[in-house]
Amino acid sequence: MDDYAAIPFHLPDEVWLMIFSYGGALVWKQVRKTCKRLNKLTTPLLFESASFELRGRGCESLYNISRHPELSPCVKTLVLRTVYGYREFRDFDAWAASIHQPGDPGNQLTLPSETSYYDNEHASNGLLPYTEWVALPKEQKKMLYQEYEADREQAQMEVRNITNTLRFRTSSAAKSTMIHPDRAVRSTGVDPAVGQFCKALETLPNLRILEHEPGFLYDNDWACRWRDLYFHPSLVVCDTSYSEDEDMEALQLSVVLQSLAWGRQGDRRLTKLSMYVGGPAFATPARLHLLWDGDGHEITRTCRSFHSTAIEADREAALINQSMSGRSKLYQEQLNHMRYAVTGLTHIDYVVSDEDELVGSLETAAKFVFGFLIATKGLESLRLVFGRLVDGILLPLSQSTERQCAKDSIQLLVQLTLHSPWSRIGDIELEIATDRSTLVQFLLAHKLTLRSLTLTRMTLVRLGDPLNTWEMTLAEIAQGLTLSSLTLSKLCDFPQDWSGSDQKRMLFDSEAEIWQGKANEYHAYYEAAIGSILRQEGRHSLDPEGQMAEEVMSQQ
C-alpha cells in the first residue's frame, strides 16, 4: 500500500512509535513495506544503529548506508562487533573431543544444559545430530578439521589485511604516509574496510554513540559454531585461549580511534563511547607498532614467559622487532591523536584488562587509561572497569596478592583524584580494586556534582589497615556525598576478625548460597542496607549473616 488512507488504523505518529517499540527489526522491515507514511516512521528505527567490523567486507553495509542521503542521517549509533570467531585447538583429537552435537549425553565437564541449543529448537536447527556425528568415519572428521583450520587461517589473514592500508597521520605533515607501502601495493584494494569506514564517518551527520562489543565477550556462541558443528563452551574456554581475539579487537579499536580522531577533528557531536581494551593492546608506541604489523602480540606474550616484569618483556619484544627503529615518535603521535576521539565525550564506558601477572603489566595499562580519561573534560558519566579480568569478569583479589595487584589500580585512582578534569560528572560506576582512603578521596573530589554511584565487583584491600572494610568505607561515602542513587553488587573485603590469611567476605551477592531460593528476602535486605547507608544510620554490619540481615529475614 502506498496510500496512508488505506491503513485501517488512523493513529498519531507517537502512538505508532510506541507500538513499534514493542517490535524489532523483523517487524519494522515488514511494516516499512506497507506504505510511505509507516516507511517514514520505521526507517529511523531500522537504521538508528549500524554494526560494522574492519575484517573482510565488514564495512560494506555501513558504507552503503552512509552513501544514501535518506538513510545516513538516521544513524546515531555505530557498533564495532565482530561476527564470527575461531579458536586454535591443540590438535585434531582436541578439536574432535570439543564437539558436542544435539543429543550428546555429555558428562560432568560437558553438560548439555550449558549449550546454547539446550531446550531451544530454533538454536539447534541446522546442527548435525549427535548420532550422525558419531557415525562419521574418522578420516571424514579429519578432513573437516583441515577445512576448519583453513577457515581459521583465512580469518587470521583477514585480520592481518586490516593493516595493509594503514597510514601514519601527523599534524606536521600535509599528507599521511603508508605504514606498509609494500603491502598496500600488493593488496590492490582487497581490504577496503578501513577506507570505507573513514569515508562513512564523513557522511554520518547525527552520529552520537560508538559502542565496542567484542564477540568473545558479548556472543554466547562465539567460536562455538562452525558450519553444522557445535563446540561445547566449557571445552572452548578450558582448551583454547582468547588472546588472538583480544589482539584482533585491540587492532580494530585502535584503527577506529585513529579514524575518529582524524576524520572528525573538532566535531563534538560524538558524546558516548564504550570500549574494551584487553591484553598488551596499544598501551605504548612499541605495542601499537607490533599490533599494526598485523601479527598481534605473539612476540610480546612469548617474551613475557621468559621475563619477570612487563617492561623487560616489552624491551625484548622491541629488540626482536627491528623495524621499530626510528619510528617510535610516529607511533607515539598516533597514540596522542587517538585521544582527540574522546575529547567531546559526555559518557564513557571504559574496560581495561591485562590478565598477565607480570610485575608492571597493570602499571602500563593504568598509565594508558589515565592518558585517555584526562582528555574527557566534559564527562558527565563514567564507567571504569580496570584490572585482571577473566572472560570480561573482574575477579576478587586474595590477601596474598592484594598488595601487588591493587597498587596499580590504587595509583590510577590517586592520579585521577589529583588531576581530574571533570566539573560536571554526575554518575560514576566502578569495578576496580582499591582501599578505603583512595576510593573515598576519589569520590569526594567530585562531590559537588556526583549524584549517582555504582560499585560492582570491587575488592577493598586491607593493606594492614583494619578500617579498610565496606561498612566504614560506605559510611564515609554517604557522609561526604549527596547521593540520590546508590547501587552495590559483589563487594569483597577482608574483615580483621576473620581467621586465615586468604579469608575474604563478599557482600551484596544475590547469587550467594545464603540467598538461594530467597529472592524476596535478599531484595528486602538489600533495600534496607542501601537505605541505612544513605540515611547515615551508623556503621551496622553488612554481613549477610549479621544483625541487619537477620532482622529483615525475620520480618519476611
Protein backbone atom coordinates (compact mmCIF):
# COMPACT_ATOMS: atom_id res chain seq x y z
CA MET A 1 0.00 0.00 0.00
CA ASP A 2 1.30 3.42 -0.91
CA ASP A 3 -1.71 5.37 0.36
CA TYR A 4 -1.78 6.13 4.10
CA ALA A 5 -5.57 6.38 3.88
CA ALA A 6 -5.69 2.66 3.12
CA ILE A 7 -4.38 1.81 6.60
CA PRO A 8 -7.29 0.55 8.74
CA PHE A 9 -5.99 2.28 11.91
CA HIS A 10 -5.64 6.07 11.90
CA LEU A 11 -3.35 6.79 14.84
CA PRO A 12 -1.00 9.66 15.72
CA ASP A 13 2.66 9.06 14.90
CA GLU A 14 3.52 8.98 18.61
CA VAL A 15 1.15 6.05 19.13
CA TRP A 16 2.56 4.16 16.16
CA LEU A 17 6.08 4.65 17.50
CA MET A 18 5.02 3.35 20.90
CA ILE A 19 3.55 0.26 19.22
CA PHE A 20 6.69 -0.25 17.14
CA SER A 21 8.83 -0.07 20.29
CA TYR A 22 7.46 -3.49 21.25
CA GLY A 23 8.71 -4.98 17.99
CA GLY A 24 12.13 -5.48 16.50
CA ALA A 25 14.00 -5.27 13.22
CA LEU A 26 11.96 -8.03 11.55
CA VAL A 27 8.69 -6.28 12.39
CA TRP A 28 9.99 -2.89 11.28
CA LYS A 29 11.15 -4.31 7.96
CA GLN A 30 7.71 -5.74 7.28
CA VAL A 31 5.87 -2.59 8.34
CA ARG A 32 8.24 -0.45 6.27
CA LYS A 33 6.90 -2.07 3.10
CA THR A 34 3.23 -1.28 3.80
CA CYS A 35 3.03 2.40 2.92
CA LYS A 36 5.03 5.60 2.63
CA ARG A 37 3.87 7.00 5.96
CA LEU A 38 4.87 3.94 8.01
CA ASN A 39 8.03 3.65 5.94
CA LYS A 40 8.93 7.13 7.13
CA LEU A 41 8.29 6.15 10.76
CA THR A 42 10.14 2.82 10.77
CA THR A 43 13.18 3.77 8.68
CA PRO A 44 14.83 5.77 11.52
CA LEU A 45 14.23 2.81 13.85
CA LEU A 46 15.85 0.34 11.45
CA PHE A 47 18.91 2.46 10.73
CA GLU A 48 19.40 4.19 14.07
CA SER A 49 22.15 1.66 14.89
CA ALA A 50 24.61 0.17 12.40
CA SER A 51 27.10 -2.62 13.08
CA PHE A 52 30.46 -2.99 11.38
CA GLU A 53 33.86 -4.60 11.64
CA LEU A 54 37.11 -3.94 9.82
CA ARG A 55 37.71 -7.51 8.69
CA GLY A 56 36.99 -8.52 5.12
CA ARG A 57 33.77 -6.95 3.87
CA GLY A 58 32.55 -5.96 7.32
CA CYS A 59 32.08 -2.28 6.42
CA GLU A 60 30.15 -2.63 3.17
CA SER A 61 26.71 -2.30 4.74
CA LEU A 62 27.72 0.75 6.79
CA TYR A 63 29.38 2.33 3.76
CA ASN A 64 26.28 1.82 1.60
CA ILE A 65 24.06 3.36 4.29
CA SER A 66 26.39 6.36 4.59
CA ARG A 67 26.13 6.97 0.82
CA HIS A 68 22.32 7.07 0.96
CA PRO A 69 21.09 10.65 1.60
CA GLU A 70 17.87 9.48 3.29
CA LEU A 71 19.46 6.79 5.46
CA SER A 72 22.73 8.35 6.62
CA PRO A 73 21.02 10.96 8.87
CA CYS A 74 19.23 8.11 10.68
CA VAL A 75 22.45 6.59 12.02
CA LYS A 76 23.09 7.68 15.60
CA THR A 77 24.99 4.66 16.92
CA LEU A 78 27.85 2.63 15.45
CA VAL A 79 28.61 -0.78 16.93
CA LEU A 80 32.02 -2.36 16.38
CA ARG A 81 31.03 -6.02 16.59
CA THR A 82 33.00 -8.98 15.24
CA VAL A 83 30.61 -11.51 13.72
CA TYR A 84 32.41 -14.83 13.94
CA GLY A 85 35.45 -16.33 15.62
CA TYR A 86 37.71 -19.34 15.56
CA ARG A 87 39.93 -20.95 18.17
CA GLU A 88 43.19 -22.81 17.75
CA PHE A 89 42.88 -26.31 19.20
CA ARG A 90 45.94 -28.29 20.20
CA ASP A 91 45.39 -30.95 17.52
CA PHE A 92 42.69 -32.95 15.77
CA ASP A 93 41.91 -35.02 18.86
CA ALA A 94 41.31 -31.90 20.99
CA TRP A 95 39.16 -30.41 18.23
CA ALA A 96 37.05 -33.55 17.85
CA ALA A 97 36.69 -34.01 21.61
CA SER A 98 35.28 -30.48 21.91
CA ILE A 99 32.41 -31.14 19.50
CA HIS A 100 29.06 -31.54 21.24
CA GLN A 101 26.08 -32.08 18.94
CA PRO A 102 22.36 -32.13 19.85
CA GLY A 103 21.61 -35.45 21.52
CA ASP A 104 25.08 -35.83 23.05
CA PRO A 105 24.60 -37.16 26.62
CA GLY A 106 27.73 -35.30 27.74
CA ASN A 107 29.50 -35.75 31.07
CA GLN A 108 30.38 -33.70 34.15
CA LEU A 109 32.63 -31.42 32.08
CA THR A 110 30.29 -31.10 29.08
CA LEU A 111 26.76 -30.81 30.39
CA PRO A 112 24.13 -30.46 27.63
CA SER A 113 22.40 -27.77 29.71
CA GLU A 114 25.44 -25.48 29.23
CA THR A 115 24.98 -25.34 25.45
CA SER A 116 23.09 -22.54 23.73
CA TYR A 117 20.87 -25.02 21.90
CA TYR A 118 19.67 -26.83 25.04
CA ASP A 119 15.85 -26.93 25.03
CA ASN A 120 15.95 -24.47 22.13
CA GLU A 121 14.67 -25.94 18.88
CA HIS A 122 15.43 -22.78 16.92
CA ALA A 123 19.07 -22.77 18.08
CA SER A 124 19.56 -26.46 17.29
CA ASN A 125 18.15 -26.17 13.77
CA GLY A 126 20.87 -26.77 11.22
CA LEU A 127 23.19 -28.58 13.63
CA LEU A 128 24.27 -32.15 12.83
CA PRO A 129 22.59 -34.65 15.20
CA TYR A 130 24.90 -36.42 17.63
CA THR A 131 24.16 -39.85 16.12
CA GLU A 132 25.23 -38.68 12.67
CA TRP A 133 28.40 -37.08 14.02
CA VAL A 134 29.39 -40.28 15.84
CA ALA A 135 28.73 -42.31 12.69
CA LEU A 136 31.13 -40.24 10.56
CA PRO A 137 34.36 -42.09 9.68
CA LYS A 138 37.49 -40.74 11.36
CA GLU A 139 39.02 -39.80 8.01
CA GLN A 140 36.00 -37.65 7.18
CA LYS A 141 36.26 -35.96 10.56
CA LYS A 142 39.94 -35.25 9.89
CA MET A 143 39.01 -33.65 6.57
CA LEU A 144 36.54 -31.43 8.41
CA TYR A 145 39.27 -30.47 10.87
CA GLN A 146 41.56 -29.49 7.99
CA GLU A 147 38.78 -27.38 6.47
CA TYR A 148 38.19 -25.74 9.85
CA GLU A 149 41.89 -24.89 10.11
CA ALA A 150 41.83 -23.45 6.58
CA ASP A 151 38.90 -21.21 7.53
CA ARG A 152 40.68 -20.16 10.73
CA GLU A 153 43.83 -19.23 8.82
CA GLN A 154 41.74 -17.27 6.31
CA ALA A 155 40.19 -15.34 9.20
CA GLN A 156 43.68 -14.60 10.54
CA MET A 157 44.67 -13.31 7.11
CA GLU A 158 41.64 -11.01 7.08
CA VAL A 159 42.81 -9.55 10.39
CA ARG A 160 46.33 -9.04 9.06
CA ASN A 161 44.90 -7.41 5.93
CA ILE A 162 43.44 -4.64 8.10
CA THR A 163 46.98 -3.30 8.41
CA ASN A 164 47.67 -3.22 4.66
CA THR A 165 46.38 0.30 4.08
CA LEU A 166 47.02 1.88 7.49
CA ARG A 167 48.63 5.31 7.46
CA PHE A 168 50.69 7.49 9.75
CA ARG A 169 48.73 10.69 10.26
CA THR A 170 50.70 13.58 11.71
CA SER A 171 49.84 17.22 12.34
CA SER A 172 53.21 18.31 10.98
CA ALA A 173 52.72 16.71 7.56
CA ALA A 174 50.16 17.79 4.97
CA LYS A 175 49.72 14.23 3.71
CA SER A 176 49.57 10.92 5.53
CA THR A 177 52.12 8.22 4.75
CA MET A 178 51.60 4.50 4.29
CA ILE A 179 52.84 2.37 7.19
CA HIS A 180 53.33 -0.69 4.98
CA PRO A 181 53.67 0.63 1.40
CA ASP A 182 54.79 -2.77 0.10
CA ARG A 183 51.61 -4.42 1.39
CA ALA A 184 49.43 -1.62 0.04
CA VAL A 185 50.79 -2.21 -3.46
CA ARG A 186 50.20 -5.96 -3.23
CA SER A 187 46.74 -5.69 -1.68
CA THR A 188 45.22 -3.91 -4.74
CA GLY A 189 42.22 -2.87 -2.71
CA VAL A 190 41.44 -6.39 -1.45
CA ASP A 191 40.65 -4.99 2.00
CA PRO A 192 38.73 -1.74 1.60
CA ALA A 193 37.07 -1.85 5.03
CA VAL A 194 39.29 0.76 6.70
CA GLY A 195 38.84 3.18 3.81
CA GLN A 196 35.10 2.58 3.74
CA PHE A 197 34.87 3.27 7.46
CA CYS A 198 36.76 6.56 7.13
CA LYS A 199 34.52 7.67 4.27
CA ALA A 200 31.39 6.66 6.18
CA LEU A 201 32.42 8.83 9.14
CA GLU A 202 32.41 11.88 6.88
CA THR A 203 28.74 11.44 5.94
CA LEU A 204 27.01 10.48 9.21
CA PRO A 205 25.82 13.89 10.46
CA ASN A 206 23.93 12.62 13.51
CA LEU A 207 26.41 10.08 14.85
CA ARG A 208 26.35 10.29 18.66
CA ILE A 209 27.45 6.93 20.05
CA LEU A 210 30.16 4.36 19.33
CA GLU A 211 29.90 1.02 21.08
CA HIS A 212 32.58 -1.66 21.11
CA GLU A 213 31.19 -5.17 21.61
CA PRO A 214 33.96 -7.82 21.42
CA GLY A 215 32.43 -11.03 20.10
CA PHE A 216 34.15 -13.28 22.63
CA LEU A 217 32.53 -11.33 25.48
CA TYR A 218 29.11 -10.46 24.04
CA ASP A 219 28.27 -13.53 21.93
CA ASN A 220 27.45 -16.71 23.87
CA ASP A 221 28.11 -18.75 20.73
CA TRP A 222 31.44 -17.09 19.96
CA ALA A 223 33.80 -19.70 18.45
CA CYS A 224 31.26 -22.41 19.33
CA ARG A 225 29.61 -22.82 15.91
CA TRP A 226 31.18 -23.78 12.61
CA ARG A 227 29.00 -24.95 9.75
CA ASP A 228 26.75 -27.63 11.29
CA LEU A 229 29.11 -28.43 14.17
CA TYR A 230 28.98 -27.12 17.73
CA PHE A 231 31.88 -26.86 20.21
CA HIS A 232 30.99 -27.15 23.88
CA PRO A 233 31.56 -23.76 25.60
CA SER A 234 33.32 -25.33 28.60
CA LEU A 235 35.93 -27.01 26.40
CA VAL A 236 36.38 -23.92 24.26
CA VAL A 237 37.12 -21.93 27.41
CA CYS A 238 39.35 -24.58 29.01
CA ASP A 239 41.26 -25.84 25.97
CA THR A 240 41.77 -22.67 23.93
CA SER A 241 42.90 -19.10 24.51
CA TYR A 242 41.20 -15.83 23.55
CA SER A 243 44.49 -13.91 23.29
CA GLU A 244 44.10 -13.76 19.49
CA ASP A 245 40.58 -12.42 19.95
CA GLU A 246 41.89 -9.67 22.25
CA ASP A 247 44.56 -8.72 19.72
CA MET A 248 42.00 -8.61 16.91
CA GLU A 249 39.70 -6.38 18.97
CA ALA A 250 42.59 -4.12 20.01
CA LEU A 251 43.72 -3.74 16.40
CA GLN A 252 40.26 -2.78 15.19
CA LEU A 253 39.66 -0.42 18.13
CA SER A 254 42.98 1.36 17.61
CA VAL A 255 42.17 1.95 13.93
CA VAL A 256 38.67 3.18 14.80
CA LEU A 257 40.03 5.62 17.39
CA GLN A 258 42.62 6.93 14.95
CA SER A 259 39.96 7.34 12.25
CA LEU A 260 37.60 9.13 14.63
CA ALA A 261 40.33 11.48 15.80
CA TRP A 262 41.38 12.46 12.30
CA GLY A 263 38.11 12.16 10.42
CA ARG A 264 36.02 14.19 12.89
CA GLN A 265 38.52 16.70 14.27
CA GLY A 266 36.71 19.41 16.19
CA ASP A 267 33.41 17.53 15.86
CA ARG A 268 31.94 17.29 19.36
CA ARG A 269 28.75 15.52 18.33
CA LEU A 270 30.10 12.09 19.33
CA THR A 271 29.15 12.07 23.00
CA LYS A 272 29.19 8.43 24.14
CA LEU A 273 31.85 5.75 23.75
CA SER A 274 32.21 2.24 25.12
CA MET A 275 35.39 0.25 24.59
CA TYR A 276 37.15 -2.88 25.80
CA VAL A 277 40.96 -2.91 25.78
CA GLY A 278 42.38 -6.32 26.64
CA GLY A 279 45.90 -7.75 26.80
CA PRO A 280 49.01 -5.77 25.77
CA ALA A 281 46.84 -3.90 23.21
CA PHE A 282 48.23 -0.48 22.19
CA ALA A 283 49.24 0.88 25.59
CA THR A 284 52.69 2.02 24.35
CA PRO A 285 54.15 3.07 20.98
CA ALA A 286 56.07 -0.21 20.76
CA ARG A 287 52.94 -2.26 21.39
CA LEU A 288 50.97 -0.24 18.85
CA HIS A 289 53.71 -0.94 16.33
CA LEU A 290 53.54 -4.70 16.94
CA LEU A 291 49.76 -4.58 16.64
CA TRP A 292 49.84 -2.61 13.40
CA ASP A 293 52.38 -5.01 11.95
CA GLY A 294 49.46 -7.43 11.78
CA ASP A 295 50.77 -10.35 13.81
CA GLY A 296 49.25 -9.41 17.16
CA HIS A 297 51.20 -9.78 20.37
CA GLU A 298 52.55 -13.29 19.97
CA ILE A 299 56.10 -11.92 20.33
CA THR A 300 55.17 -9.98 23.48
CA ARG A 301 53.50 -12.98 25.11
CA THR A 302 56.47 -15.20 24.27
CA CYS A 303 58.85 -12.66 25.82
CA ARG A 304 56.64 -12.44 28.91
CA SER A 305 57.17 -16.15 29.52
CA PHE A 306 60.92 -15.53 29.89
CA HIS A 307 60.92 -12.35 31.98
CA SER A 308 59.74 -11.35 35.44
CA THR A 309 58.49 -7.86 34.53
CA ALA A 310 56.35 -6.50 31.71
CA ILE A 311 58.90 -3.76 31.00
CA GLU A 312 61.66 -6.32 30.36
CA ALA A 313 59.33 -8.32 28.11
CA ASP A 314 58.37 -5.21 26.13
CA ARG A 315 62.03 -4.27 25.72
CA GLU A 316 62.90 -7.73 24.40
CA ALA A 317 59.91 -7.74 22.02
CA ALA A 318 61.00 -4.36 20.63
CA LEU A 319 64.54 -5.66 20.05
CA ILE A 320 63.20 -8.66 18.17
CA ASN A 321 61.04 -6.38 16.04
CA GLN A 322 63.89 -4.43 14.44
CA SER A 323 61.58 -2.43 12.15
CA MET A 324 60.57 -0.27 15.15
CA SER A 325 63.86 1.59 14.91
CA GLY A 326 63.38 5.28 14.17
CA ARG A 327 59.57 5.16 14.18
CA SER A 328 58.81 5.43 17.88
CA LYS A 329 57.85 9.12 17.66
CA LEU A 330 55.43 8.40 14.82
CA TYR A 331 53.63 5.74 16.84
CA GLN A 332 53.61 7.97 19.92
CA GLU A 333 51.95 10.68 17.86
CA GLN A 334 49.28 8.23 16.72
CA LEU A 335 48.51 7.43 20.37
CA ASN A 336 48.41 11.10 21.28
CA HIS A 337 45.97 11.87 18.48
CA MET A 338 43.71 8.93 19.36
CA ARG A 339 42.81 10.88 22.49
CA TYR A 340 41.15 13.52 20.30
CA ALA A 341 38.44 10.91 19.67
CA VAL A 342 37.31 11.21 23.31
CA THR A 343 37.65 14.95 23.98
CA GLY A 344 33.99 15.73 23.31
CA LEU A 345 32.52 12.80 25.22
CA THR A 346 29.95 13.19 27.97
CA HIS A 347 29.67 9.42 28.63
CA ILE A 348 32.40 6.79 28.57
CA ASP A 349 32.31 3.07 29.37
CA TYR A 350 35.96 2.03 29.64
CA VAL A 351 37.00 -1.57 30.33
CA VAL A 352 40.73 -2.34 30.53
CA SER A 353 42.21 -5.74 31.34
CA ASP A 354 45.61 -7.40 31.36
CA GLU A 355 45.44 -10.92 32.78
CA ASP A 356 49.20 -11.37 32.88
CA GLU A 357 50.55 -11.42 36.43
CA LEU A 358 53.93 -9.95 35.47
CA VAL A 359 55.02 -7.02 37.58
CA GLY A 360 54.29 -3.83 35.66
CA SER A 361 51.62 -5.12 33.27
CA LEU A 362 48.82 -3.26 35.05
CA GLU A 363 51.09 -0.27 35.72
CA THR A 364 51.47 0.24 31.97
CA ALA A 365 47.73 -0.23 31.50
CA ALA A 366 46.99 2.33 34.24
CA LYS A 367 49.13 4.99 32.53
CA PHE A 368 47.30 4.26 29.27
CA VAL A 369 43.88 4.65 30.92
CA PHE A 370 44.91 7.86 32.68
CA GLY A 371 46.05 9.43 29.41
CA PHE A 372 42.67 8.86 27.79
CA LEU A 373 40.50 9.81 30.77
CA ILE A 374 42.09 13.18 31.45
CA ALA A 375 41.23 14.15 27.86
CA THR A 376 37.49 13.83 28.64
CA LYS A 377 36.98 17.23 30.23
CA GLY A 378 33.22 17.42 29.67
CA LEU A 379 32.47 13.98 31.11
CA GLU A 380 29.12 13.54 32.87
CA SER A 381 29.03 9.74 33.23
CA LEU A 382 31.93 7.32 33.79
CA ARG A 383 32.03 3.54 33.95
CA LEU A 384 35.56 2.30 34.66
CA VAL A 385 36.48 -1.37 34.88
CA PHE A 386 40.17 -1.98 35.48
CA GLY A 387 42.25 -4.99 36.48
CA ARG A 388 42.80 -8.64 35.65
CA LEU A 389 39.57 -9.71 34.00
CA VAL A 390 38.79 -13.32 33.10
CA ASP A 391 36.24 -13.57 30.28
CA GLY A 392 35.36 -9.95 30.99
CA ILE A 393 34.75 -10.52 34.71
CA LEU A 394 36.86 -8.80 37.37
CA LEU A 395 37.63 -11.46 39.95
CA PRO A 396 38.12 -10.65 43.65
CA LEU A 397 41.68 -10.48 44.97
CA SER A 398 43.07 -12.58 47.78
CA GLN A 399 45.09 -11.15 50.67
CA SER A 400 48.23 -12.88 49.43
CA THR A 401 48.14 -10.90 46.17
CA GLU A 402 46.38 -7.72 47.23
CA ARG A 403 49.45 -5.51 47.60
CA GLN A 404 50.91 -6.47 44.22
CA CYS A 405 47.62 -6.50 42.29
CA ALA A 406 45.95 -3.45 43.84
CA LYS A 407 48.79 -0.93 43.86
CA ASP A 408 48.43 -0.02 40.18
CA SER A 409 44.66 0.45 40.33
CA ILE A 410 45.07 2.47 43.54
CA GLN A 411 47.67 4.66 41.85
CA LEU A 412 45.32 5.18 38.90
CA LEU A 413 42.57 6.48 41.20
CA VAL A 414 45.09 8.64 43.07
CA GLN A 415 46.22 10.31 39.84
CA LEU A 416 42.63 10.80 38.68
CA THR A 417 41.88 12.44 42.03
CA LEU A 418 44.83 14.81 41.70
CA HIS A 419 44.30 15.69 38.05
CA SER A 420 40.57 15.21 37.47
CA PRO A 421 39.29 17.46 34.66
CA TRP A 422 35.62 16.67 35.38
CA SER A 423 33.49 19.54 36.64
CA ARG A 424 30.12 18.12 35.53
CA ILE A 425 30.33 14.43 36.34
CA GLY A 426 27.13 13.18 37.94
CA ASP A 427 27.31 9.40 37.52
CA ILE A 428 30.22 7.07 38.34
CA GLU A 429 30.33 3.27 38.11
CA LEU A 430 33.48 1.45 39.25
CA GLU A 431 34.82 -2.11 39.07
CA ILE A 432 38.32 -1.93 40.50
CA ALA A 433 40.49 -2.99 43.43
CA THR A 434 41.34 -0.20 45.85
CA ASP A 435 41.50 0.79 49.52
CA ARG A 436 39.14 2.88 51.64
CA SER A 437 41.13 6.11 51.68
CA THR A 438 41.83 6.16 47.93
CA LEU A 439 38.24 5.39 46.96
CA VAL A 440 36.74 7.95 49.34
CA GLN A 441 39.13 10.70 48.25
CA PHE A 442 38.47 9.97 44.57
CA LEU A 443 34.71 10.21 45.04
CA LEU A 444 34.84 13.27 47.30
CA ALA A 445 36.89 15.07 44.67
CA HIS A 446 33.64 15.12 42.64
CA LYS A 447 31.19 15.73 45.48
CA LEU A 448 29.81 18.95 44.01
CA THR A 449 28.23 17.14 41.04
CA LEU A 450 28.26 13.39 41.80
CA ARG A 451 24.73 12.12 42.49
CA SER A 452 24.68 8.50 41.28
CA LEU A 453 27.21 5.85 42.33
CA THR A 454 27.50 2.18 41.36
CA LEU A 455 30.14 -0.14 42.86
CA THR A 456 30.35 -3.62 41.35
CA ARG A 457 32.82 -6.50 41.79
CA MET A 458 35.14 -4.31 43.82
CA THR A 459 37.81 -5.58 46.18
CA LEU A 460 38.60 -3.35 49.14
CA VAL A 461 42.12 -4.38 50.14
CA ARG A 462 43.31 -4.17 53.75
CA LEU A 463 46.98 -3.27 53.30
CA GLY A 464 47.40 -3.52 57.07
CA ASP A 465 44.62 -1.02 57.85
CA PRO A 466 41.74 -2.54 59.88
CA LEU A 467 39.48 0.34 58.76
CA ASN A 468 39.52 -0.93 55.16
CA THR A 469 36.09 -2.55 55.40
CA TRP A 470 32.97 -1.77 53.42
CA GLU A 471 31.00 -0.71 56.50
CA MET A 472 33.48 2.07 57.25
CA THR A 473 34.01 2.99 53.59
CA LEU A 474 30.34 3.23 52.61
CA ALA A 475 29.58 5.26 55.73
CA GLU A 476 32.27 7.80 54.77
CA ILE A 477 31.00 7.93 51.18
CA ALA A 478 27.41 8.56 52.28
CA GLN A 479 28.54 11.24 54.72
CA GLY A 480 30.66 13.09 52.18
CA LEU A 481 28.41 12.87 49.11
CA THR A 482 24.86 13.91 48.31
CA LEU A 483 23.70 10.76 46.53
CA SER A 484 20.28 10.21 45.03
CA SER A 485 21.18 6.71 43.83
CA LEU A 486 23.49 4.03 45.24
CA THR A 487 23.87 0.59 43.64
CA LEU A 488 26.08 -2.11 45.17
CA SER A 489 26.91 -5.61 43.93
CA LYS A 490 29.51 -8.24 44.87
CA LEU A 491 31.75 -6.16 47.11
CA CYS A 492 34.73 -8.01 48.56
CA ASP A 493 36.85 -7.18 51.63
CA PHE A 494 38.93 -8.84 54.35
CA PRO A 495 37.47 -8.30 57.85
CA GLN A 496 40.04 -8.15 60.65
CA ASP A 497 38.29 -10.74 62.79
CA TRP A 498 38.27 -13.45 60.14
CA SER A 499 40.92 -16.12 60.65
CA GLY A 500 43.08 -17.40 57.83
CA SER A 501 45.40 -15.47 55.55
CA ASP A 502 43.18 -15.69 52.49
CA GLN A 503 39.72 -15.40 54.04
CA LYS A 504 37.56 -12.86 52.28
CA ARG A 505 33.97 -11.69 52.52
CA MET A 506 31.55 -11.00 49.67
CA LEU A 507 28.72 -8.55 50.29
CA PHE A 508 25.61 -7.85 48.21
CA ASP A 509 25.94 -11.11 46.29
CA SER A 510 22.45 -12.23 45.29
CA GLU A 511 23.94 -15.48 43.97
CA ALA A 512 25.50 -16.44 47.34
CA GLU A 513 24.43 -19.72 48.88
CA ILE A 514 22.72 -18.00 51.82
CA TRP A 515 20.27 -16.31 49.41
CA GLN A 516 19.46 -19.33 47.24
CA GLY A 517 15.69 -19.59 46.88
CA LYS A 518 15.25 -16.38 48.89
CA ALA A 519 15.00 -13.68 46.23
CA ASN A 520 12.42 -11.69 48.19
CA GLU A 521 14.50 -11.84 51.36
CA TYR A 522 17.61 -10.66 49.50
CA HIS A 523 15.70 -7.77 47.94
CA ALA A 524 14.40 -6.70 51.36
CA TYR A 525 17.88 -6.96 52.92
CA TYR A 526 19.41 -5.01 50.03
CA GLU A 527 16.85 -2.20 50.21
CA ALA A 528 17.23 -1.98 54.00
CA ALA A 529 21.03 -1.84 53.74
CA ILE A 530 21.05 0.83 51.00
CA GLY A 531 18.52 2.91 52.92
CA SER A 532 20.54 2.66 56.12
CA ILE A 533 23.73 3.72 54.32
CA LEU A 534 22.14 6.71 52.60
CA ARG A 535 20.45 7.84 55.83
CA GLN A 536 23.84 7.61 57.60
CA GLU A 537 22.44 5.47 60.39
CA GLY A 538 25.79 4.29 61.67
CA ARG A 539 28.18 1.55 60.67
CA HIS A 540 25.97 -1.53 61.08
CA SER A 541 27.40 -4.83 59.89
CA LEU A 542 26.52 -5.53 56.26
CA ASP A 543 27.40 -9.20 56.62
CA PRO A 544 24.59 -11.36 55.13
CA GLU A 545 24.63 -13.34 58.38
CA GLY A 546 24.75 -10.20 60.54
CA GLN A 547 22.11 -8.50 62.64
CA MET A 548 20.58 -6.41 59.84
CA ALA A 549 20.05 -9.44 57.60
CA GLU A 550 18.60 -11.46 60.47
CA GLU A 551 16.12 -8.70 61.32
CA VAL A 552 14.99 -8.38 57.71
CA MET A 553 14.62 -12.13 57.24
CA SER A 554 12.62 -12.46 60.46
CA GLN A 555 10.12 -9.93 59.09
CA GLN A 556 9.53 -11.83 55.84
